[in-house]
Amino acid sequence: MKLLKFLFVGIFFGIVLVKSEAVSWYRIFEMFKFQSFHMYGIIGSAVILGIIAIWVIKRTGLKSIDKESINIPPKDKGMFRLLIGGTIFGFGWALAGACPGPMYILVGTGVFSMLLVIGGAILGTFLYGLLRDKLPH
């Protein structure tokens, strides 16, 4: 029963992403070709909302849903690994037409070819786990 709140938030999130066309391959294609502001507006809104939410959490000492203190650790100064990871993520997003959250939403909307993409993401995560000790962090 306690996990039902996560199910409902996930369903709501999925509906919002479908209705805003954030999971549309065409919209993502437009974004990567710099032909439309649509996706940049959605991503920019999310970034601004995130900045405001973190400011409110830090300013007011807001607690989590379980009444625990929310601790936001300071950011690491190393940018190189973020640039490499972001580039790999962006290539995957451009090739698949979806980032991790929308992959599952697209399966829910009947795009069953996304199961191949999900399989590739799981395989990539597994390979990262195997190679993690050998990679520069």
N, C-alpha and C. Protein backbone atom coordinates (compact mmCIF):
# COMPACT_ATOMS: atom_id res chain seq x y z
N MET A 1 0.83 -1.20 0.00
CA MET A 1 0.00 0.00 0.00
C MET A 1 0.88 1.26 0.00
N LYS A 2 2.02 1.17 0.68
CA LYS A 2 2.90 2.33 0.78
C LYS A 2 3.50 2.70 -0.58
N LEU A 3 3.67 1.71 -1.46
CA LEU A 3 4.28 1.96 -2.77
C LEU A 3 3.28 2.50 -3.79
N LEU A 4 2.02 2.51 -3.45
CA LEU A 4 1.00 3.00 -4.38
C LEU A 4 1.20 4.46 -4.76
N LYS A 5 1.73 5.25 -3.83
CA LYS A 5 1.97 6.67 -4.13
C LYS A 5 2.96 6.81 -5.28
N PHE A 6 3.95 5.93 -5.34
CA PHE A 6 4.93 5.98 -6.43
C PHE A 6 4.30 5.57 -7.75
N LEU A 7 3.40 4.59 -7.72
CA LEU A 7 2.69 4.18 -8.92
C LEU A 7 1.86 5.33 -9.47
N PHE A 8 1.13 6.02 -8.61
CA PHE A 8 0.29 7.12 -9.06
C PHE A 8 1.12 8.30 -9.58
N VAL A 9 2.23 8.59 -8.93
CA VAL A 9 3.11 9.66 -9.42
C VAL A 9 3.68 9.27 -10.78
N GLY A 10 4.06 8.01 -10.95
CA GLY A 10 4.58 7.54 -12.23
C GLY A 10 3.55 7.62 -13.34
N ILE A 11 2.32 7.23 -13.04
CA ILE A 11 1.25 7.32 -14.03
C ILE A 11 1.00 8.78 -14.41
N PHE A 12 0.95 9.64 -13.42
CA PHE A 12 0.75 11.08 -13.68
C PHE A 12 1.89 11.64 -14.53
N PHE A 13 3.13 11.28 -14.18
CA PHE A 13 4.30 11.72 -14.93
C PHE A 13 4.22 11.25 -16.38
N GLY A 14 3.82 10.00 -16.58
CA GLY A 14 3.68 9.46 -17.92
C GLY A 14 2.64 10.21 -18.73
N ILE A 15 1.50 10.49 -18.12
CA ILE A 15 0.44 11.24 -18.81
C ILE A 15 0.93 12.63 -19.20
N VAL A 16 1.61 13.30 -18.28
CA VAL A 16 2.13 14.65 -18.57
C VAL A 16 3.12 14.60 -19.74
N LEU A 17 4.03 13.62 -19.73
CA LEU A 17 5.03 13.54 -20.81
C LEU A 17 4.38 13.22 -22.15
N VAL A 18 3.37 12.35 -22.16
CA VAL A 18 2.69 12.04 -23.41
C VAL A 18 1.91 13.24 -23.92
N LYS A 19 1.16 13.90 -23.05
CA LYS A 19 0.35 15.05 -23.46
C LYS A 19 1.20 16.24 -23.89
N SER A 20 2.37 16.40 -23.30
CA SER A 20 3.25 17.51 -23.69
C SER A 20 4.11 17.16 -24.91
N GLU A 21 3.97 15.95 -25.40
CA GLU A 21 4.72 15.42 -26.55
C GLU A 21 6.22 15.31 -26.26
N ALA A 22 6.59 15.22 -25.00
CA ALA A 22 8.00 15.09 -24.65
C ALA A 22 8.54 13.70 -24.99
N VAL A 23 7.66 12.73 -25.22
CA VAL A 23 8.10 11.39 -25.59
C VAL A 23 7.97 11.15 -27.09
N SER A 24 7.61 12.19 -27.84
CA SER A 24 7.44 12.07 -29.28
C SER A 24 8.79 12.03 -29.97
N TRP A 25 9.02 10.98 -30.76
CA TRP A 25 10.27 10.88 -31.48
C TRP A 25 10.43 12.08 -32.40
N TYR A 26 9.35 12.53 -33.02
CA TYR A 26 9.42 13.66 -33.93
C TYR A 26 9.88 14.93 -33.21
N ARG A 27 9.37 15.16 -32.00
CA ARG A 27 9.77 16.35 -31.22
C ARG A 27 11.25 16.26 -30.84
N ILE A 28 11.71 15.07 -30.47
CA ILE A 28 13.12 14.89 -30.10
C ILE A 28 14.00 15.10 -31.33
N PHE A 29 13.56 14.58 -32.47
CA PHE A 29 14.30 14.77 -33.73
C PHE A 29 14.41 16.26 -34.07
N GLU A 30 13.29 16.98 -33.91
CA GLU A 30 13.31 18.44 -34.14
C GLU A 30 14.32 19.13 -33.23
N MET A 31 14.35 18.70 -31.96
CA MET A 31 15.26 19.33 -31.01
C MET A 31 16.71 19.15 -31.44
N PHE A 32 17.08 17.91 -31.79
CA PHE A 32 18.47 17.65 -32.15
C PHE A 32 18.87 18.30 -33.48
N LYS A 33 17.89 18.68 -34.27
CA LYS A 33 18.19 19.41 -35.51
C LYS A 33 18.02 20.91 -35.33
N PHE A 34 17.76 21.36 -34.10
CA PHE A 34 17.56 22.77 -33.77
C PHE A 34 16.47 23.41 -34.64
N GLN A 35 15.37 22.68 -34.85
CA GLN A 35 14.28 23.18 -35.68
C GLN A 35 13.09 23.67 -34.86
N SER A 36 13.07 23.40 -33.57
CA SER A 36 11.91 23.77 -32.76
C SER A 36 12.34 24.07 -31.34
N PHE A 37 11.61 24.97 -30.71
CA PHE A 37 11.88 25.35 -29.32
C PHE A 37 11.14 24.44 -28.33
N HIS A 38 10.21 23.62 -28.81
CA HIS A 38 9.31 22.84 -27.96
C HIS A 38 10.04 22.09 -26.83
N MET A 39 10.98 21.22 -27.20
CA MET A 39 11.68 20.42 -26.19
C MET A 39 12.59 21.28 -25.31
N TYR A 40 13.22 22.29 -25.90
CA TYR A 40 14.06 23.18 -25.10
C TYR A 40 13.22 23.91 -24.06
N GLY A 41 11.99 24.25 -24.42
CA GLY A 41 11.08 24.89 -23.46
C GLY A 41 10.73 23.96 -22.32
N ILE A 42 10.46 22.69 -22.63
CA ILE A 42 10.13 21.71 -21.59
C ILE A 42 11.34 21.48 -20.68
N ILE A 43 12.51 21.26 -21.27
CA ILE A 43 13.72 21.01 -20.48
C ILE A 43 14.09 22.25 -19.67
N GLY A 44 14.01 23.42 -20.28
CA GLY A 44 14.31 24.67 -19.58
C GLY A 44 13.37 24.90 -18.41
N SER A 45 12.08 24.62 -18.61
CA SER A 45 11.10 24.75 -17.52
C SER A 45 11.45 23.81 -16.37
N ALA A 46 11.86 22.59 -16.71
CA ALA A 46 12.23 21.62 -15.67
C ALA A 46 13.46 22.09 -14.89
N VAL A 47 14.43 22.66 -15.60
CA VAL A 47 15.64 23.16 -14.94
C VAL A 47 15.29 24.32 -14.00
N ILE A 48 14.49 25.25 -14.47
CA ILE A 48 14.10 26.40 -13.64
C ILE A 48 13.29 25.93 -12.42
N LEU A 49 12.36 25.00 -12.64
CA LEU A 49 11.57 24.46 -11.53
C LEU A 49 12.47 23.73 -10.53
N GLY A 50 13.46 23.00 -11.03
CA GLY A 50 14.41 22.31 -10.14
C GLY A 50 15.23 23.29 -9.31
N ILE A 51 15.68 24.36 -9.93
CA ILE A 51 16.45 25.39 -9.21
C ILE A 51 15.60 25.99 -8.10
N ILE A 52 14.36 26.32 -8.42
CA ILE A 52 13.46 26.90 -7.42
C ILE A 52 13.19 25.89 -6.30
N ALA A 53 12.95 24.63 -6.65
CA ALA A 53 12.65 23.61 -5.65
C ALA A 53 13.84 23.40 -4.70
N ILE A 54 15.05 23.34 -5.23
CA ILE A 54 16.23 23.16 -4.37
C ILE A 54 16.43 24.39 -3.48
N TRP A 55 16.20 25.57 -4.03
CA TRP A 55 16.32 26.79 -3.22
C TRP A 55 15.31 26.75 -2.06
N VAL A 56 14.06 26.35 -2.34
CA VAL A 56 13.03 26.28 -1.30
C VAL A 56 13.41 25.22 -0.26
N ILE A 57 13.90 24.06 -0.70
CA ILE A 57 14.29 23.00 0.23
C ILE A 57 15.39 23.49 1.16
N LYS A 58 16.42 24.13 0.59
CA LYS A 58 17.54 24.61 1.41
C LYS A 58 17.12 25.77 2.32
N ARG A 59 16.28 26.64 1.82
CA ARG A 59 15.88 27.84 2.56
C ARG A 59 14.94 27.52 3.72
N THR A 60 14.01 26.58 3.51
CA THR A 60 12.98 26.31 4.51
C THR A 60 13.26 25.07 5.35
N GLY A 61 14.26 24.27 4.96
CA GLY A 61 14.51 23.03 5.69
C GLY A 61 13.39 22.02 5.50
N LEU A 62 12.80 22.01 4.33
CA LEU A 62 11.68 21.13 4.00
C LEU A 62 12.06 19.67 4.24
N LYS A 63 11.12 18.88 4.73
CA LYS A 63 11.35 17.45 5.01
C LYS A 63 10.80 16.61 3.87
N SER A 64 11.27 15.36 3.76
CA SER A 64 10.77 14.44 2.74
C SER A 64 9.37 13.96 3.12
N ILE A 65 8.77 13.17 2.25
CA ILE A 65 7.43 12.65 2.50
C ILE A 65 7.42 11.73 3.73
N ASP A 66 8.59 11.16 4.06
CA ASP A 66 8.73 10.31 5.24
C ASP A 66 9.19 11.10 6.45
N LYS A 67 9.14 12.42 6.38
CA LYS A 67 9.51 13.33 7.47
C LYS A 67 11.00 13.28 7.81
N GLU A 68 11.83 12.91 6.83
CA GLU A 68 13.27 12.89 7.03
C GLU A 68 13.88 14.17 6.45
N SER A 69 15.00 14.58 7.00
CA SER A 69 15.69 15.77 6.52
C SER A 69 16.24 15.51 5.12
N ILE A 70 16.11 16.49 4.22
CA ILE A 70 16.62 16.36 2.87
C ILE A 70 18.02 16.96 2.83
N ASN A 71 19.00 16.13 2.52
CA ASN A 71 20.39 16.56 2.49
C ASN A 71 20.87 16.59 1.04
N ILE A 72 21.26 17.74 0.54
CA ILE A 72 21.77 17.88 -0.82
C ILE A 72 23.27 18.13 -0.72
N PRO A 73 24.09 17.10 -1.07
CA PRO A 73 25.53 17.25 -0.93
C PRO A 73 26.09 18.24 -1.95
N PRO A 74 27.21 18.88 -1.63
CA PRO A 74 27.82 19.82 -2.58
C PRO A 74 28.29 19.09 -3.84
N LYS A 75 28.30 19.79 -4.96
CA LYS A 75 28.70 19.21 -6.23
C LYS A 75 30.20 19.02 -6.31
N ASP A 76 30.59 17.96 -7.01
CA ASP A 76 31.99 17.68 -7.30
C ASP A 76 32.47 18.69 -8.34
N LYS A 77 33.73 19.08 -8.28
CA LYS A 77 34.26 20.09 -9.19
C LYS A 77 34.64 19.53 -10.57
N GLY A 78 34.77 18.20 -10.71
CA GLY A 78 35.23 17.61 -11.96
C GLY A 78 34.18 17.66 -13.05
N MET A 79 34.45 18.38 -14.12
CA MET A 79 33.49 18.51 -15.23
C MET A 79 33.74 17.53 -16.36
N PHE A 80 34.96 17.02 -16.49
CA PHE A 80 35.31 16.16 -17.63
C PHE A 80 34.42 14.93 -17.69
N ARG A 81 34.24 14.27 -16.56
CA ARG A 81 33.42 13.05 -16.55
C ARG A 81 31.96 13.36 -16.85
N LEU A 82 31.49 14.54 -16.46
CA LEU A 82 30.12 14.92 -16.76
C LEU A 82 29.94 15.20 -18.25
N LEU A 83 30.94 15.82 -18.86
CA LEU A 83 30.88 16.08 -20.30
C LEU A 83 30.89 14.77 -21.10
N ILE A 84 31.74 13.84 -20.70
CA ILE A 84 31.81 12.54 -21.40
C ILE A 84 30.49 11.78 -21.20
N GLY A 85 30.02 11.70 -19.97
CA GLY A 85 28.77 10.99 -19.68
C GLY A 85 27.58 11.64 -20.38
N GLY A 86 27.52 12.96 -20.36
CA GLY A 86 26.44 13.67 -21.03
C GLY A 86 26.46 13.47 -22.53
N THR A 87 27.65 13.42 -23.11
CA THR A 87 27.77 13.18 -24.55
C THR A 87 27.29 11.78 -24.91
N ILE A 88 27.69 10.78 -24.13
CA ILE A 88 27.23 9.41 -24.38
C ILE A 88 25.72 9.32 -24.21
N PHE A 89 25.20 9.95 -23.17
CA PHE A 89 23.75 9.98 -22.93
C PHE A 89 23.04 10.64 -24.11
N GLY A 90 23.57 11.76 -24.59
CA GLY A 90 22.97 12.47 -25.72
C GLY A 90 22.97 11.65 -26.99
N PHE A 91 24.07 10.93 -27.25
CA PHE A 91 24.12 10.06 -28.43
C PHE A 91 23.05 8.97 -28.33
N GLY A 92 22.94 8.37 -27.16
CA GLY A 92 21.92 7.33 -26.96
C GLY A 92 20.52 7.89 -27.13
N TRP A 93 20.30 9.07 -26.61
CA TRP A 93 18.99 9.72 -26.71
C TRP A 93 18.66 10.01 -28.16
N ALA A 94 19.65 10.52 -28.90
CA ALA A 94 19.42 10.84 -30.32
C ALA A 94 19.18 9.57 -31.14
N LEU A 95 19.93 8.51 -30.87
CA LEU A 95 19.77 7.28 -31.63
C LEU A 95 18.47 6.55 -31.31
N ALA A 96 18.11 6.51 -30.03
CA ALA A 96 16.92 5.77 -29.61
C ALA A 96 15.66 6.62 -29.72
N GLY A 97 15.81 7.91 -29.66
CA GLY A 97 14.64 8.79 -29.68
C GLY A 97 13.96 8.89 -28.33
N ALA A 98 14.64 8.46 -27.28
CA ALA A 98 14.04 8.52 -25.94
C ALA A 98 15.14 8.42 -24.90
N CYS A 99 14.93 9.12 -23.78
CA CYS A 99 15.83 8.96 -22.64
C CYS A 99 15.18 7.96 -21.67
N PRO A 100 15.82 7.58 -20.58
CA PRO A 100 15.35 6.46 -19.76
C PRO A 100 13.90 6.50 -19.29
N GLY A 101 13.42 7.61 -18.77
CA GLY A 101 12.03 7.65 -18.29
C GLY A 101 11.01 7.39 -19.39
N PRO A 102 11.09 8.13 -20.50
CA PRO A 102 10.14 7.93 -21.59
C PRO A 102 10.22 6.56 -22.27
N MET A 103 11.32 5.84 -22.13
CA MET A 103 11.38 4.51 -22.73
C MET A 103 10.23 3.64 -22.21
N TYR A 104 10.00 3.66 -20.93
CA TYR A 104 8.95 2.85 -20.33
C TYR A 104 7.57 3.41 -20.67
N ILE A 105 7.47 4.73 -20.74
CA ILE A 105 6.19 5.36 -21.10
C ILE A 105 5.82 4.98 -22.53
N LEU A 106 6.80 4.95 -23.43
CA LEU A 106 6.52 4.59 -24.81
C LEU A 106 6.06 3.14 -24.93
N VAL A 107 6.61 2.24 -24.13
CA VAL A 107 6.12 0.86 -24.12
C VAL A 107 4.66 0.86 -23.67
N GLY A 108 4.34 1.67 -22.68
CA GLY A 108 2.97 1.77 -22.20
C GLY A 108 2.00 2.34 -23.23
N THR A 109 2.53 3.13 -24.19
CA THR A 109 1.67 3.67 -25.24
C THR A 109 1.60 2.76 -26.46
N GLY A 110 2.29 1.62 -26.39
CA GLY A 110 2.21 0.64 -27.48
C GLY A 110 3.39 0.61 -28.42
N VAL A 111 4.45 1.35 -28.12
CA VAL A 111 5.65 1.34 -28.95
C VAL A 111 6.56 0.22 -28.43
N PHE A 112 6.25 -1.01 -28.85
CA PHE A 112 6.94 -2.17 -28.28
C PHE A 112 8.37 -2.33 -28.77
N SER A 113 8.74 -1.60 -29.83
CA SER A 113 10.14 -1.62 -30.27
C SER A 113 11.06 -1.01 -29.21
N MET A 114 10.49 -0.23 -28.29
CA MET A 114 11.27 0.36 -27.20
C MET A 114 11.80 -0.73 -26.26
N LEU A 115 11.22 -1.91 -26.29
CA LEU A 115 11.74 -3.01 -25.47
C LEU A 115 13.18 -3.34 -25.86
N LEU A 116 13.51 -3.19 -27.14
CA LEU A 116 14.90 -3.38 -27.57
C LEU A 116 15.81 -2.31 -26.97
N VAL A 117 15.33 -1.09 -26.95
CA VAL A 117 16.10 0.02 -26.37
C VAL A 117 16.29 -0.21 -24.87
N ILE A 118 15.23 -0.63 -24.19
CA ILE A 118 15.32 -0.91 -22.75
C ILE A 118 16.33 -2.03 -22.51
N GLY A 119 16.28 -3.08 -23.35
CA GLY A 119 17.27 -4.16 -23.25
C GLY A 119 18.68 -3.66 -23.43
N GLY A 120 18.89 -2.76 -24.40
CA GLY A 120 20.21 -2.17 -24.61
C GLY A 120 20.66 -1.33 -23.43
N ALA A 121 19.73 -0.59 -22.83
CA ALA A 121 20.06 0.23 -21.65
C ALA A 121 20.45 -0.65 -20.48
N ILE A 122 19.73 -1.73 -20.28
CA ILE A 122 20.06 -2.66 -19.19
C ILE A 122 21.41 -3.31 -19.44
N LEU A 123 21.67 -3.72 -20.69
CA LEU A 123 22.97 -4.30 -21.04
C LEU A 123 24.10 -3.29 -20.81
N GLY A 124 23.87 -2.04 -21.23
CA GLY A 124 24.89 -1.00 -21.02
C GLY A 124 25.16 -0.76 -19.55
N THR A 125 24.12 -0.78 -18.74
CA THR A 125 24.29 -0.60 -17.29
C THR A 125 25.08 -1.76 -16.70
N PHE A 126 24.78 -2.97 -17.16
CA PHE A 126 25.51 -4.17 -16.70
C PHE A 126 26.98 -4.08 -17.08
N LEU A 127 27.26 -3.70 -18.33
CA LEU A 127 28.64 -3.57 -18.78
C LEU A 127 29.39 -2.49 -18.01
N TYR A 128 28.70 -1.39 -17.71
CA TYR A 128 29.33 -0.35 -16.90
C TYR A 128 29.71 -0.91 -15.53
N GLY A 129 28.81 -1.70 -14.94
CA GLY A 129 29.10 -2.31 -13.64
C GLY A 129 30.34 -3.20 -13.70
N LEU A 130 30.50 -3.92 -14.80
CA LEU A 130 31.68 -4.78 -14.96
C LEU A 130 32.96 -3.97 -15.17
N LEU A 131 32.86 -2.87 -15.88
CA LEU A 131 34.04 -2.07 -16.24
C LEU A 131 34.30 -0.89 -15.32
N ARG A 132 33.46 -0.68 -14.35
CA ARG A 132 33.53 0.53 -13.51
C ARG A 132 34.90 0.75 -12.88
N ASP A 133 35.52 -0.32 -12.39
CA ASP A 133 36.81 -0.19 -11.73
C ASP A 133 37.93 0.20 -12.69
N LYS A 134 37.75 -0.07 -13.97
CA LYS A 134 38.78 0.23 -14.95
C LYS A 134 38.60 1.60 -15.62
N LEU A 135 37.47 2.26 -15.34
CA LEU A 135 37.18 3.55 -15.96
C LEU A 135 37.64 4.71 -15.08
N PRO A 136 38.03 5.84 -15.71
CA PRO A 136 38.44 7.00 -14.91
C PRO A 136 37.22 7.68 -14.29
N HIS A 137 37.29 7.87 -13.01
CA HIS A 137 36.18 8.55 -12.29
C HIS A 137 36.71 9.77 -11.58
